[in-house]
Amino acid sequence: MPSSSLPTPNDTEPALPWSGRNPVSAGWFEMRSVRVPRDARPVYDEDMDCIIGYHRSFASVASTYDLAGQVVALDACPDDDGPARAPLLVAGTLWQPRVRGMTRSGAEGEGLAAPAATLARLRGRFIALARQPLYFTLAALADMHEPIRFVPLHILRLAIRCGTRLAAGGIAAADSARFIAQITRRGVPTALELTLRPRDQTVLRVRTWPVAG
């Protein structure tokens, strides 16, 4: 058995920043926290090309949530119009409140009806999540540039924050952590497994696979 004092591959692999362009749209991906109400609709920011939070209208009160399911704002709103609602709410330069249309990626949506201050706070929460440090080994970085293996960085950060932490096995157990989370990719239920070196927030491995809906 190797001595515990010897460095493992996880110790010696360099930590590299993400510097490339997303090979596919980050808007294809969603990780819905268990804290988000089931009837809350995703808020897609077309300018950022990401789902940045959730919005729920009930009894003349609109609740806006960040990706972790924390309340961003409570606002007065008109009574909800029921089953005719679009499944996706969209914020962006070209979108007007409650006007239906198609996003650039071809999804049906409805303009988000929320005060500018609420949208600004929601975007602020997303930006704060996006700024949390995250690095990659060379192998993990190469995988991230492959369209079929890519997972947006904010989804990886959310999996670390809200996913299920598992025991890491093998010789590297002491210096790595595994997380698993349920996400969707273009609406397809998908399992995400992430192996992380916690001491410097370096991703060692990312795996995804489709699961039964």
N, C-alpha and C. Protein backbone atom coordinates (compact mmCIF):
# COMPACT_ATOMS: atom_id res chain seq x y z
N MET A 1 0.85 -1.19 0.00
CA MET A 1 0.00 0.00 0.00
C MET A 1 0.89 1.24 0.00
N PRO A 2 0.63 2.23 -0.85
CA PRO A 2 1.46 3.42 -0.89
C PRO A 2 1.41 4.16 0.43
N SER A 3 2.53 4.78 0.76
CA SER A 3 2.60 5.57 1.99
C SER A 3 1.68 6.77 1.91
N SER A 4 1.02 7.10 3.03
CA SER A 4 0.11 8.24 3.04
C SER A 4 0.84 9.55 2.88
N SER A 5 2.19 9.54 3.06
CA SER A 5 2.96 10.77 2.92
C SER A 5 3.30 11.10 1.48
N LEU A 6 3.12 10.13 0.58
CA LEU A 6 3.44 10.37 -0.83
C LEU A 6 2.31 11.14 -1.50
N PRO A 7 2.64 12.07 -2.39
CA PRO A 7 1.58 12.81 -3.08
C PRO A 7 0.81 11.92 -4.04
N THR A 8 -0.48 12.10 -4.11
CA THR A 8 -1.32 11.39 -5.07
C THR A 8 -1.45 12.24 -6.32
N PRO A 9 -1.93 11.65 -7.43
CA PRO A 9 -2.16 12.46 -8.64
C PRO A 9 -3.07 13.65 -8.38
N ASN A 10 -4.02 13.48 -7.47
CA ASN A 10 -4.92 14.60 -7.16
C ASN A 10 -4.17 15.77 -6.53
N ASP A 11 -3.07 15.46 -5.81
CA ASP A 11 -2.28 16.51 -5.17
C ASP A 11 -1.48 17.32 -6.19
N THR A 12 -0.99 16.65 -7.21
CA THR A 12 0.01 17.27 -8.08
C THR A 12 -0.56 17.86 -9.36
N GLU A 13 -1.77 17.51 -9.74
CA GLU A 13 -2.31 18.06 -10.98
C GLU A 13 -2.57 19.55 -10.83
N PRO A 14 -2.19 20.34 -11.83
CA PRO A 14 -2.35 21.80 -11.71
C PRO A 14 -3.82 22.21 -11.76
N ALA A 15 -4.09 23.38 -11.19
CA ALA A 15 -5.43 23.97 -11.20
C ALA A 15 -5.48 25.03 -12.29
N LEU A 16 -6.31 24.79 -13.30
CA LEU A 16 -6.38 25.68 -14.46
C LEU A 16 -7.74 26.37 -14.51
N PRO A 17 -7.79 27.65 -14.86
CA PRO A 17 -9.07 28.34 -14.97
C PRO A 17 -9.79 28.00 -16.26
N TRP A 18 -11.10 28.17 -16.27
CA TRP A 18 -11.87 28.03 -17.50
C TRP A 18 -11.65 29.27 -18.34
N SER A 19 -11.17 29.08 -19.56
CA SER A 19 -10.86 30.23 -20.41
C SER A 19 -11.49 30.13 -21.79
N GLY A 20 -12.26 29.08 -22.03
CA GLY A 20 -12.82 28.90 -23.36
C GLY A 20 -14.26 29.34 -23.46
N ARG A 21 -14.73 29.39 -24.69
CA ARG A 21 -16.13 29.67 -24.94
C ARG A 21 -16.94 28.40 -24.74
N ASN A 22 -18.19 28.58 -24.28
CA ASN A 22 -19.06 27.42 -24.10
C ASN A 22 -19.29 26.73 -25.44
N PRO A 23 -19.03 25.42 -25.54
CA PRO A 23 -19.23 24.74 -26.82
C PRO A 23 -20.69 24.56 -27.20
N VAL A 24 -21.59 24.62 -26.23
CA VAL A 24 -23.03 24.58 -26.49
C VAL A 24 -23.69 25.61 -25.57
N SER A 25 -24.95 25.90 -25.81
CA SER A 25 -25.66 26.92 -25.04
C SER A 25 -25.80 26.51 -23.57
N ALA A 26 -25.41 27.43 -22.68
CA ALA A 26 -25.61 27.18 -21.25
C ALA A 26 -27.10 27.17 -20.90
N GLY A 27 -27.92 27.79 -21.75
CA GLY A 27 -29.35 27.81 -21.52
C GLY A 27 -30.02 26.47 -21.68
N TRP A 28 -29.31 25.48 -22.23
CA TRP A 28 -29.86 24.13 -22.34
C TRP A 28 -29.98 23.45 -20.98
N PHE A 29 -29.26 23.93 -19.99
CA PHE A 29 -29.08 23.21 -18.73
C PHE A 29 -29.89 23.85 -17.60
N GLU A 30 -30.39 22.99 -16.72
CA GLU A 30 -31.09 23.46 -15.53
C GLU A 30 -30.81 22.51 -14.39
N MET A 31 -30.53 23.07 -13.22
CA MET A 31 -30.49 22.29 -11.98
C MET A 31 -31.45 22.96 -11.01
N ARG A 32 -32.52 22.27 -10.71
CA ARG A 32 -33.58 22.84 -9.89
C ARG A 32 -33.42 22.39 -8.45
N SER A 33 -33.13 23.33 -7.56
CA SER A 33 -32.97 23.02 -6.14
C SER A 33 -34.29 22.50 -5.56
N VAL A 34 -34.19 21.61 -4.58
CA VAL A 34 -35.39 21.08 -3.92
C VAL A 34 -36.12 22.18 -3.16
N ARG A 35 -35.47 23.31 -2.93
CA ARG A 35 -36.11 24.42 -2.21
C ARG A 35 -36.99 25.27 -3.12
N VAL A 36 -36.90 25.07 -4.42
CA VAL A 36 -37.73 25.84 -5.36
C VAL A 36 -39.11 25.20 -5.43
N PRO A 37 -40.20 25.95 -5.24
CA PRO A 37 -41.54 25.38 -5.34
C PRO A 37 -41.77 24.70 -6.69
N ARG A 38 -42.54 23.64 -6.68
CA ARG A 38 -42.76 22.85 -7.89
C ARG A 38 -43.42 23.66 -9.00
N ASP A 39 -44.27 24.63 -8.63
CA ASP A 39 -44.99 25.38 -9.65
C ASP A 39 -44.28 26.69 -10.04
N ALA A 40 -43.08 26.91 -9.55
CA ALA A 40 -42.33 28.10 -9.95
C ALA A 40 -41.74 27.87 -11.35
N ARG A 41 -41.82 28.91 -12.18
CA ARG A 41 -41.32 28.79 -13.55
C ARG A 41 -39.88 29.28 -13.65
N PRO A 42 -39.06 28.62 -14.48
CA PRO A 42 -37.69 29.08 -14.67
C PRO A 42 -37.67 30.46 -15.31
N VAL A 43 -36.69 31.27 -14.91
CA VAL A 43 -36.44 32.58 -15.52
C VAL A 43 -35.17 32.46 -16.35
N TYR A 44 -35.35 32.56 -17.66
CA TYR A 44 -34.21 32.48 -18.59
C TYR A 44 -33.82 33.89 -18.99
N ASP A 45 -32.56 34.25 -18.77
CA ASP A 45 -32.04 35.55 -19.16
C ASP A 45 -31.41 35.40 -20.54
N GLU A 46 -32.08 35.94 -21.55
CA GLU A 46 -31.58 35.74 -22.92
C GLU A 46 -30.27 36.48 -23.15
N ASP A 47 -30.05 37.57 -22.44
CA ASP A 47 -28.79 38.30 -22.60
C ASP A 47 -27.62 37.50 -22.03
N MET A 48 -27.86 36.76 -20.95
CA MET A 48 -26.81 35.94 -20.34
C MET A 48 -26.80 34.51 -20.88
N ASP A 49 -27.87 34.11 -21.57
CA ASP A 49 -28.04 32.75 -22.07
C ASP A 49 -27.96 31.72 -20.94
N CYS A 50 -28.69 31.98 -19.86
CA CYS A 50 -28.72 31.07 -18.71
C CYS A 50 -30.07 31.19 -18.01
N ILE A 51 -30.51 30.10 -17.41
CA ILE A 51 -31.58 30.18 -16.42
C ILE A 51 -30.95 30.73 -15.15
N ILE A 52 -31.50 31.85 -14.66
CA ILE A 52 -30.88 32.54 -13.53
C ILE A 52 -31.70 32.46 -12.25
N GLY A 53 -32.90 31.89 -12.31
CA GLY A 53 -33.73 31.81 -11.12
C GLY A 53 -35.12 31.31 -11.45
N TYR A 54 -36.08 31.58 -10.54
CA TYR A 54 -37.44 31.07 -10.68
C TYR A 54 -38.43 32.13 -10.20
N HIS A 55 -39.65 32.02 -10.71
CA HIS A 55 -40.68 33.02 -10.41
C HIS A 55 -42.01 32.30 -10.24
N ARG A 56 -42.73 32.67 -9.18
CA ARG A 56 -44.02 32.03 -8.89
C ARG A 56 -45.02 33.11 -8.53
N SER A 57 -46.20 33.05 -9.16
CA SER A 57 -47.28 33.99 -8.87
C SER A 57 -48.45 33.22 -8.25
N PHE A 58 -48.91 33.71 -7.09
CA PHE A 58 -50.03 33.05 -6.42
C PHE A 58 -50.69 34.06 -5.50
N ALA A 59 -52.04 34.15 -5.61
CA ALA A 59 -52.83 35.03 -4.73
C ALA A 59 -52.30 36.46 -4.74
N SER A 60 -52.02 36.95 -5.94
CA SER A 60 -51.59 38.34 -6.14
C SER A 60 -50.22 38.66 -5.54
N VAL A 61 -49.44 37.62 -5.24
CA VAL A 61 -48.07 37.82 -4.76
C VAL A 61 -47.12 37.05 -5.67
N ALA A 62 -46.09 37.74 -6.16
CA ALA A 62 -45.07 37.11 -6.99
C ALA A 62 -43.82 36.89 -6.15
N SER A 63 -43.37 35.64 -6.12
CA SER A 63 -42.15 35.28 -5.39
C SER A 63 -41.05 34.97 -6.39
N THR A 64 -39.90 35.58 -6.21
CA THR A 64 -38.76 35.35 -7.09
C THR A 64 -37.66 34.67 -6.28
N TYR A 65 -37.10 33.60 -6.84
CA TYR A 65 -36.10 32.78 -6.15
C TYR A 65 -34.81 32.74 -6.96
N ASP A 66 -33.68 32.64 -6.26
CA ASP A 66 -32.43 32.41 -6.97
C ASP A 66 -32.27 30.92 -7.25
N LEU A 67 -31.15 30.53 -7.85
CA LEU A 67 -30.97 29.14 -8.26
C LEU A 67 -30.89 28.18 -7.08
N ALA A 68 -30.50 28.68 -5.92
CA ALA A 68 -30.44 27.83 -4.73
C ALA A 68 -31.77 27.73 -4.01
N GLY A 69 -32.79 28.42 -4.51
CA GLY A 69 -34.11 28.38 -3.90
C GLY A 69 -34.34 29.40 -2.81
N GLN A 70 -33.44 30.35 -2.67
CA GLN A 70 -33.61 31.41 -1.67
C GLN A 70 -34.44 32.54 -2.26
N VAL A 71 -35.32 33.11 -1.45
CA VAL A 71 -36.20 34.18 -1.93
C VAL A 71 -35.39 35.44 -2.19
N VAL A 72 -35.58 35.99 -3.39
CA VAL A 72 -34.93 37.23 -3.78
C VAL A 72 -35.84 38.42 -3.53
N ALA A 73 -37.15 38.25 -3.83
CA ALA A 73 -38.10 39.36 -3.67
C ALA A 73 -39.51 38.82 -3.61
N LEU A 74 -40.38 39.57 -2.94
CA LEU A 74 -41.83 39.35 -2.94
C LEU A 74 -42.47 40.63 -3.47
N ASP A 75 -43.24 40.51 -4.55
CA ASP A 75 -43.84 41.67 -5.20
C ASP A 75 -45.33 41.44 -5.39
N ALA A 76 -46.10 42.53 -5.39
CA ALA A 76 -47.51 42.44 -5.76
C ALA A 76 -47.61 42.18 -7.25
N CYS A 77 -48.62 41.42 -7.66
CA CYS A 77 -48.79 41.12 -9.08
C CYS A 77 -50.27 40.86 -9.35
N PRO A 78 -50.71 40.94 -10.62
CA PRO A 78 -52.08 40.58 -10.97
C PRO A 78 -52.32 39.11 -10.72
N ASP A 79 -53.58 38.73 -10.59
CA ASP A 79 -53.91 37.32 -10.43
C ASP A 79 -53.38 36.54 -11.62
N ASP A 80 -52.90 35.34 -11.34
CA ASP A 80 -52.31 34.52 -12.39
C ASP A 80 -53.37 34.05 -13.37
N ASP A 81 -52.96 33.86 -14.64
CA ASP A 81 -53.93 33.48 -15.67
C ASP A 81 -53.99 31.98 -15.92
N GLY A 82 -53.49 31.18 -14.99
CA GLY A 82 -53.72 29.75 -15.02
C GLY A 82 -52.98 28.98 -16.09
N PRO A 83 -53.64 27.95 -16.67
CA PRO A 83 -52.94 27.00 -17.53
C PRO A 83 -52.45 27.57 -18.85
N ALA A 84 -52.85 28.79 -19.22
CA ALA A 84 -52.40 29.35 -20.49
C ALA A 84 -50.98 29.90 -20.42
N ARG A 85 -50.36 29.82 -19.27
CA ARG A 85 -49.03 30.38 -19.10
C ARG A 85 -48.00 29.63 -19.94
N ALA A 86 -46.98 30.36 -20.41
CA ALA A 86 -45.85 29.71 -21.07
C ALA A 86 -45.00 29.02 -20.01
N PRO A 87 -44.32 27.93 -20.37
CA PRO A 87 -43.54 27.19 -19.37
C PRO A 87 -42.28 27.91 -18.92
N LEU A 88 -41.85 28.91 -19.68
CA LEU A 88 -40.59 29.59 -19.42
C LEU A 88 -40.81 31.09 -19.37
N LEU A 89 -40.24 31.74 -18.37
CA LEU A 89 -40.25 33.20 -18.31
C LEU A 89 -38.91 33.71 -18.83
N VAL A 90 -38.96 34.79 -19.60
CA VAL A 90 -37.75 35.27 -20.26
C VAL A 90 -37.51 36.73 -19.92
N ALA A 91 -36.29 37.04 -19.56
CA ALA A 91 -35.84 38.42 -19.36
C ALA A 91 -34.79 38.73 -20.41
N GLY A 92 -34.79 39.94 -20.88
CA GLY A 92 -33.80 40.32 -21.88
C GLY A 92 -34.17 41.60 -22.56
N THR A 93 -33.24 42.15 -23.29
CA THR A 93 -33.42 43.45 -23.93
C THR A 93 -34.64 43.49 -24.83
N LEU A 94 -34.91 42.41 -25.55
CA LEU A 94 -35.97 42.40 -26.56
C LEU A 94 -37.31 41.90 -26.04
N TRP A 95 -37.41 41.58 -24.76
CA TRP A 95 -38.63 40.97 -24.24
C TRP A 95 -39.45 41.95 -23.42
N GLN A 96 -40.77 41.94 -23.67
CA GLN A 96 -41.72 42.77 -22.94
C GLN A 96 -42.52 41.91 -21.96
N PRO A 97 -42.91 42.46 -20.80
CA PRO A 97 -43.65 41.68 -19.81
C PRO A 97 -44.92 41.05 -20.38
N ARG A 98 -45.09 39.76 -20.11
CA ARG A 98 -46.28 38.96 -20.45
C ARG A 98 -46.48 38.78 -21.95
N VAL A 99 -45.56 39.19 -22.78
CA VAL A 99 -45.66 38.97 -24.22
C VAL A 99 -44.98 37.65 -24.55
N ARG A 100 -45.69 36.78 -25.27
CA ARG A 100 -45.15 35.46 -25.59
C ARG A 100 -44.35 35.51 -26.88
N GLY A 101 -43.38 34.61 -26.96
CA GLY A 101 -42.55 34.53 -28.15
C GLY A 101 -41.62 33.34 -28.06
N MET A 102 -40.63 33.31 -28.94
CA MET A 102 -39.65 32.23 -28.97
C MET A 102 -38.27 32.82 -28.67
N THR A 103 -37.51 32.11 -27.86
CA THR A 103 -36.14 32.54 -27.59
C THR A 103 -35.28 32.24 -28.82
N ARG A 104 -34.06 32.77 -28.80
CA ARG A 104 -33.15 32.52 -29.93
C ARG A 104 -32.82 31.05 -30.08
N SER A 105 -32.92 30.29 -28.98
CA SER A 105 -32.64 28.86 -29.04
C SER A 105 -33.87 28.04 -29.40
N GLY A 106 -35.01 28.70 -29.62
CA GLY A 106 -36.20 28.00 -30.08
C GLY A 106 -37.16 27.56 -29.00
N ALA A 107 -36.99 28.05 -27.77
CA ALA A 107 -37.90 27.69 -26.68
C ALA A 107 -39.05 28.69 -26.59
N GLU A 108 -40.24 28.19 -26.28
CA GLU A 108 -41.40 29.06 -26.11
C GLU A 108 -41.31 29.75 -24.75
N GLY A 109 -41.51 31.06 -24.74
CA GLY A 109 -41.41 31.79 -23.48
C GLY A 109 -42.36 32.95 -23.40
N GLU A 110 -42.39 33.56 -22.24
CA GLU A 110 -43.24 34.71 -21.94
C GLU A 110 -42.39 35.74 -21.20
N GLY A 111 -42.50 36.99 -21.57
CA GLY A 111 -41.70 38.03 -20.93
C GLY A 111 -41.95 38.10 -19.44
N LEU A 112 -40.89 38.16 -18.67
CA LEU A 112 -40.99 38.23 -17.22
C LEU A 112 -41.61 39.56 -16.80
N ALA A 113 -42.65 39.48 -15.97
CA ALA A 113 -43.28 40.68 -15.42
C ALA A 113 -42.82 40.83 -13.98
N ALA A 114 -41.74 41.55 -13.79
CA ALA A 114 -41.19 41.78 -12.45
C ALA A 114 -40.55 43.16 -12.43
N PRO A 115 -40.56 43.83 -11.29
CA PRO A 115 -39.92 45.14 -11.20
C PRO A 115 -38.44 45.06 -11.59
N ALA A 116 -37.93 46.16 -12.12
CA ALA A 116 -36.53 46.20 -12.53
C ALA A 116 -35.60 45.90 -11.36
N ALA A 117 -35.97 46.36 -10.17
CA ALA A 117 -35.13 46.12 -9.00
C ALA A 117 -35.06 44.63 -8.67
N THR A 118 -36.18 43.91 -8.85
CA THR A 118 -36.18 42.47 -8.59
C THR A 118 -35.29 41.74 -9.57
N LEU A 119 -35.40 42.09 -10.86
CA LEU A 119 -34.55 41.46 -11.86
C LEU A 119 -33.08 41.77 -11.59
N ALA A 120 -32.78 42.99 -11.18
CA ALA A 120 -31.39 43.35 -10.88
C ALA A 120 -30.85 42.52 -9.71
N ARG A 121 -31.68 42.31 -8.68
CA ARG A 121 -31.24 41.49 -7.55
C ARG A 121 -31.04 40.04 -7.97
N LEU A 122 -31.94 39.54 -8.82
CA LEU A 122 -31.81 38.16 -9.29
C LEU A 122 -30.53 37.99 -10.10
N ARG A 123 -30.27 38.93 -10.99
CA ARG A 123 -29.03 38.87 -11.76
C ARG A 123 -27.81 38.99 -10.85
N GLY A 124 -27.93 39.81 -9.81
CA GLY A 124 -26.82 39.94 -8.87
C GLY A 124 -26.51 38.64 -8.16
N ARG A 125 -27.56 37.89 -7.77
CA ARG A 125 -27.35 36.58 -7.13
C ARG A 125 -26.64 35.62 -8.10
N PHE A 126 -27.07 35.65 -9.37
CA PHE A 126 -26.45 34.76 -10.35
C PHE A 126 -24.98 35.14 -10.56
N ILE A 127 -24.70 36.42 -10.67
CA ILE A 127 -23.32 36.86 -10.88
C ILE A 127 -22.45 36.48 -9.68
N ALA A 128 -22.99 36.59 -8.47
CA ALA A 128 -22.23 36.20 -7.28
C ALA A 128 -21.89 34.71 -7.33
N LEU A 129 -22.85 33.88 -7.76
CA LEU A 129 -22.58 32.45 -7.92
C LEU A 129 -21.51 32.23 -8.98
N ALA A 130 -21.61 32.94 -10.10
CA ALA A 130 -20.67 32.76 -11.21
C ALA A 130 -19.26 33.19 -10.85
N ARG A 131 -19.12 34.04 -9.86
CA ARG A 131 -17.79 34.52 -9.47
C ARG A 131 -17.10 33.64 -8.43
N GLN A 132 -17.79 32.64 -7.93
CA GLN A 132 -17.15 31.74 -6.98
C GLN A 132 -16.04 30.97 -7.68
N PRO A 133 -14.85 30.87 -7.08
CA PRO A 133 -13.70 30.27 -7.78
C PRO A 133 -13.94 28.80 -8.12
N LEU A 134 -13.51 28.41 -9.30
CA LEU A 134 -13.60 27.03 -9.74
C LEU A 134 -12.52 26.81 -10.80
N TYR A 135 -11.76 25.72 -10.62
CA TYR A 135 -10.65 25.42 -11.52
C TYR A 135 -10.78 23.99 -12.01
N PHE A 136 -9.90 23.61 -12.95
CA PHE A 136 -9.98 22.30 -13.58
C PHE A 136 -8.58 21.72 -13.77
N THR A 137 -8.50 20.39 -13.68
CA THR A 137 -7.28 19.73 -14.12
C THR A 137 -7.26 19.76 -15.65
N LEU A 138 -6.12 19.42 -16.22
CA LEU A 138 -6.00 19.46 -17.68
C LEU A 138 -7.00 18.51 -18.34
N ALA A 139 -7.16 17.31 -17.77
CA ALA A 139 -8.09 16.34 -18.35
C ALA A 139 -9.53 16.83 -18.24
N ALA A 140 -9.90 17.38 -17.08
CA ALA A 140 -11.26 17.88 -16.91
C ALA A 140 -11.53 19.07 -17.82
N LEU A 141 -10.52 19.92 -18.01
CA LEU A 141 -10.68 21.07 -18.90
C LEU A 141 -10.88 20.62 -20.34
N ALA A 142 -10.14 19.58 -20.76
CA ALA A 142 -10.31 19.06 -22.11
C ALA A 142 -11.72 18.50 -22.31
N ASP A 143 -12.23 17.80 -21.30
CA ASP A 143 -13.59 17.27 -21.38
C ASP A 143 -14.61 18.40 -21.52
N MET A 144 -14.39 19.49 -20.80
CA MET A 144 -15.34 20.60 -20.82
C MET A 144 -15.43 21.28 -22.18
N HIS A 145 -14.42 21.11 -23.01
CA HIS A 145 -14.47 21.70 -24.35
C HIS A 145 -15.19 20.80 -25.35
N GLU A 146 -15.58 19.60 -24.92
CA GLU A 146 -16.32 18.69 -25.79
C GLU A 146 -17.82 18.96 -25.63
N PRO A 147 -18.54 19.26 -26.72
CA PRO A 147 -19.97 19.58 -26.60
C PRO A 147 -20.78 18.53 -25.84
N ILE A 148 -20.46 17.27 -26.02
CA ILE A 148 -21.26 16.22 -25.39
C ILE A 148 -20.95 16.10 -23.90
N ARG A 149 -19.81 16.63 -23.45
CA ARG A 149 -19.40 16.49 -22.05
C ARG A 149 -19.48 17.80 -21.27
N PHE A 150 -19.71 18.89 -21.95
CA PHE A 150 -19.72 20.21 -21.32
C PHE A 150 -20.88 20.36 -20.34
N VAL A 151 -20.60 20.96 -19.20
CA VAL A 151 -21.62 21.38 -18.23
C VAL A 151 -21.27 22.81 -17.82
N PRO A 152 -22.21 23.75 -17.89
CA PRO A 152 -21.89 25.14 -17.55
C PRO A 152 -21.33 25.27 -16.13
N LEU A 153 -20.44 26.23 -15.96
CA LEU A 153 -19.78 26.39 -14.68
C LEU A 153 -20.75 26.70 -13.55
N HIS A 154 -21.80 27.48 -13.84
CA HIS A 154 -22.73 27.79 -12.75
C HIS A 154 -23.49 26.55 -12.29
N ILE A 155 -23.69 25.59 -13.20
CA ILE A 155 -24.33 24.33 -12.81
C ILE A 155 -23.39 23.52 -11.92
N LEU A 156 -22.10 23.50 -12.26
CA LEU A 156 -21.13 22.79 -11.42
C LEU A 156 -21.07 23.42 -10.03
N ARG A 157 -21.03 24.74 -9.98
CA ARG A 157 -21.00 25.42 -8.67
C ARG A 157 -22.26 25.12 -7.86
N LEU A 158 -23.39 25.07 -8.56
CA LEU A 158 -24.65 24.78 -7.87
C LEU A 158 -24.68 23.34 -7.37
N ALA A 159 -24.09 22.42 -8.13
CA ALA A 159 -24.03 21.02 -7.69
C ALA A 159 -23.19 20.89 -6.42
N ILE A 160 -22.11 21.67 -6.34
CA ILE A 160 -21.28 21.65 -5.14
C ILE A 160 -22.05 22.22 -3.95
N ARG A 161 -22.83 23.23 -4.20
CA ARG A 161 -23.57 23.91 -3.13
C ARG A 161 -24.82 23.14 -2.70
N CYS A 162 -25.56 22.60 -3.67
CA CYS A 162 -26.88 22.04 -3.37
C CYS A 162 -26.99 20.55 -3.65
N GLY A 163 -25.98 19.96 -4.29
CA GLY A 163 -26.05 18.55 -4.61
C GLY A 163 -25.78 17.66 -3.40
N THR A 164 -25.82 16.36 -3.62
CA THR A 164 -25.56 15.38 -2.56
C THR A 164 -24.08 15.04 -2.54
N ARG A 165 -23.46 15.20 -1.39
CA ARG A 165 -22.04 14.87 -1.27
C ARG A 165 -21.90 13.40 -0.91
N LEU A 166 -21.07 12.69 -1.66
CA LEU A 166 -20.85 11.27 -1.46
C LEU A 166 -19.45 11.04 -0.92
N ALA A 167 -19.25 9.89 -0.31
CA ALA A 167 -17.91 9.52 0.15
C ALA A 167 -17.05 9.20 -1.06
N ALA A 168 -15.85 9.76 -1.09
CA ALA A 168 -14.90 9.47 -2.17
C ALA A 168 -14.12 8.23 -1.78
N GLY A 169 -13.98 7.29 -2.73
CA GLY A 169 -13.28 6.05 -2.44
C GLY A 169 -11.86 6.05 -2.98
N GLY A 170 -11.07 5.04 -2.57
CA GLY A 170 -9.73 4.89 -3.11
C GLY A 170 -8.69 5.70 -2.37
N ILE A 171 -7.48 5.69 -2.91
CA ILE A 171 -6.35 6.34 -2.27
C ILE A 171 -6.53 7.84 -2.16
N ALA A 172 -7.30 8.41 -3.09
CA ALA A 172 -7.45 9.87 -3.12
C ALA A 172 -8.61 10.37 -2.26
N ALA A 173 -9.19 9.47 -1.45
CA ALA A 173 -10.39 9.85 -0.71
C ALA A 173 -10.17 11.04 0.20
N ALA A 174 -8.97 11.15 0.77
CA ALA A 174 -8.72 12.21 1.73
C ALA A 174 -8.64 13.59 1.10
N ASP A 175 -8.33 13.65 -0.20
CA ASP A 175 -8.15 14.96 -0.83
C ASP A 175 -9.12 15.19 -1.98
N SER A 176 -10.25 14.51 -1.98
CA SER A 176 -11.25 14.74 -3.01
C SER A 176 -12.64 14.55 -2.43
N ALA A 177 -13.62 15.10 -3.11
CA ALA A 177 -15.02 14.97 -2.70
C ALA A 177 -15.85 14.73 -3.95
N ARG A 178 -16.90 13.94 -3.81
CA ARG A 178 -17.79 13.65 -4.93
C ARG A 178 -19.17 14.23 -4.63
N PHE A 179 -19.76 14.79 -5.67
CA PHE A 179 -21.10 15.34 -5.57
C PHE A 179 -21.94 14.77 -6.71
N ILE A 180 -23.20 14.53 -6.44
CA ILE A 180 -24.12 14.09 -7.48
C ILE A 180 -25.36 14.96 -7.43
N ALA A 181 -25.90 15.26 -8.59
CA ALA A 181 -27.07 16.14 -8.67
C ALA A 181 -27.90 15.73 -9.88
N GLN A 182 -29.18 16.02 -9.81
CA GLN A 182 -30.08 15.80 -10.93
C GLN A 182 -30.22 17.11 -11.70
N ILE A 183 -29.96 17.08 -13.00
CA ILE A 183 -30.08 18.25 -13.84
C ILE A 183 -30.90 17.87 -15.07
N THR A 184 -31.17 18.84 -15.92
CA THR A 184 -31.73 18.54 -17.23
C THR A 184 -30.85 19.18 -18.28
N ARG A 185 -30.75 18.51 -19.42
CA ARG A 185 -30.02 19.02 -20.57
C ARG A 185 -30.98 18.98 -21.76
N ARG A 186 -31.39 20.16 -22.22
CA ARG A 186 -32.40 20.26 -23.27
C ARG A 186 -33.66 19.50 -22.86
N GLY A 187 -34.02 19.60 -21.59
CA GLY A 187 -35.23 18.97 -21.08
C GLY A 187 -35.10 17.50 -20.74
N VAL A 188 -33.94 16.90 -21.00
CA VAL A 188 -33.75 15.47 -20.73
C VAL A 188 -33.19 15.29 -19.32
N PRO A 189 -33.87 14.53 -18.44
CA PRO A 189 -33.33 14.29 -17.10
C PRO A 189 -31.95 13.64 -17.19
N THR A 190 -31.02 14.19 -16.45
CA THR A 190 -29.62 13.78 -16.55
C THR A 190 -29.00 13.76 -15.16
N ALA A 191 -28.17 12.75 -14.90
CA ALA A 191 -27.41 12.70 -13.65
C ALA A 191 -26.06 13.36 -13.87
N LEU A 192 -25.65 14.16 -12.91
CA LEU A 192 -24.34 14.82 -12.94
C LEU A 192 -23.53 14.34 -11.75
N GLU A 193 -22.32 13.86 -12.03
CA GLU A 193 -21.39 13.47 -10.97
C GLU A 193 -20.13 14.31 -11.12
N LEU A 194 -19.71 14.92 -10.03
CA LEU A 194 -18.59 15.84 -10.03
C LEU A 194 -17.61 15.41 -8.95
N THR A 195 -16.34 15.29 -9.31
CA THR A 195 -15.29 15.01 -8.34
C THR A 195 -14.43 16.26 -8.19
N LEU A 196 -14.25 16.69 -6.95
CA LEU A 196 -13.63 17.98 -6.66
C LEU A 196 -12.46 17.82 -5.69
N ARG A 197 -11.43 18.62 -5.90
CA ARG A 197 -10.36 18.77 -4.91
C ARG A 197 -10.70 20.01 -4.08
N PRO A 198 -11.26 19.84 -2.89
CA PRO A 198 -11.82 20.98 -2.16
C PRO A 198 -10.81 22.04 -1.76
N ARG A 199 -9.57 21.66 -1.51
CA ARG A 199 -8.63 22.65 -0.95
C ARG A 199 -8.38 23.82 -1.88
N ASP A 200 -8.52 23.61 -3.21
CA ASP A 200 -8.38 24.74 -4.13
C ASP A 200 -9.50 24.78 -5.17
N GLN A 201 -10.62 24.11 -4.86
CA GLN A 201 -11.81 24.14 -5.71
C GLN A 201 -11.49 23.76 -7.15
N THR A 202 -10.77 22.64 -7.30
CA THR A 202 -10.38 22.15 -8.62
C THR A 202 -11.21 20.93 -9.00
N VAL A 203 -11.84 21.00 -10.15
CA VAL A 203 -12.64 19.88 -10.66
C VAL A 203 -11.70 18.83 -11.24
N LEU A 204 -11.82 17.60 -10.74
CA LEU A 204 -11.00 16.50 -11.23
C LEU A 204 -11.71 15.72 -12.32
N ARG A 205 -13.03 15.67 -12.23
CA ARG A 205 -13.78 14.87 -13.21
C ARG A 205 -15.24 15.30 -13.22
N VAL A 206 -15.83 15.30 -14.40
CA VAL A 206 -17.26 15.56 -14.57
C VAL A 206 -17.84 14.45 -15.43
N ARG A 207 -18.90 13.83 -14.95
CA ARG A 207 -19.59 12.80 -15.72
C ARG A 207 -21.07 13.11 -15.75
N THR A 208 -21.71 12.87 -16.88
CA THR A 208 -23.16 12.99 -17.00
C THR A 208 -23.70 11.78 -17.75
N TRP A 209 -24.93 11.41 -17.43
CA TRP A 209 -25.59 10.34 -18.18
C TRP A 209 -27.10 10.52 -18.05
N PRO A 210 -27.84 10.21 -19.11
CA PRO A 210 -29.30 10.35 -19.05
C PRO A 210 -29.91 9.35 -18.09
N VAL A 211 -31.00 9.76 -17.46
CA VAL A 211 -31.70 8.88 -16.53
C VAL A 211 -33.16 8.83 -16.93
N ALA A 212 -33.85 7.81 -16.44
CA ALA A 212 -35.28 7.68 -16.75
C ALA A 212 -36.03 8.85 -16.15
N GLY A 213 -36.99 9.41 -16.93
CA GLY A 213 -37.76 10.54 -16.45
C GLY A 213 -38.77 10.15 -15.39
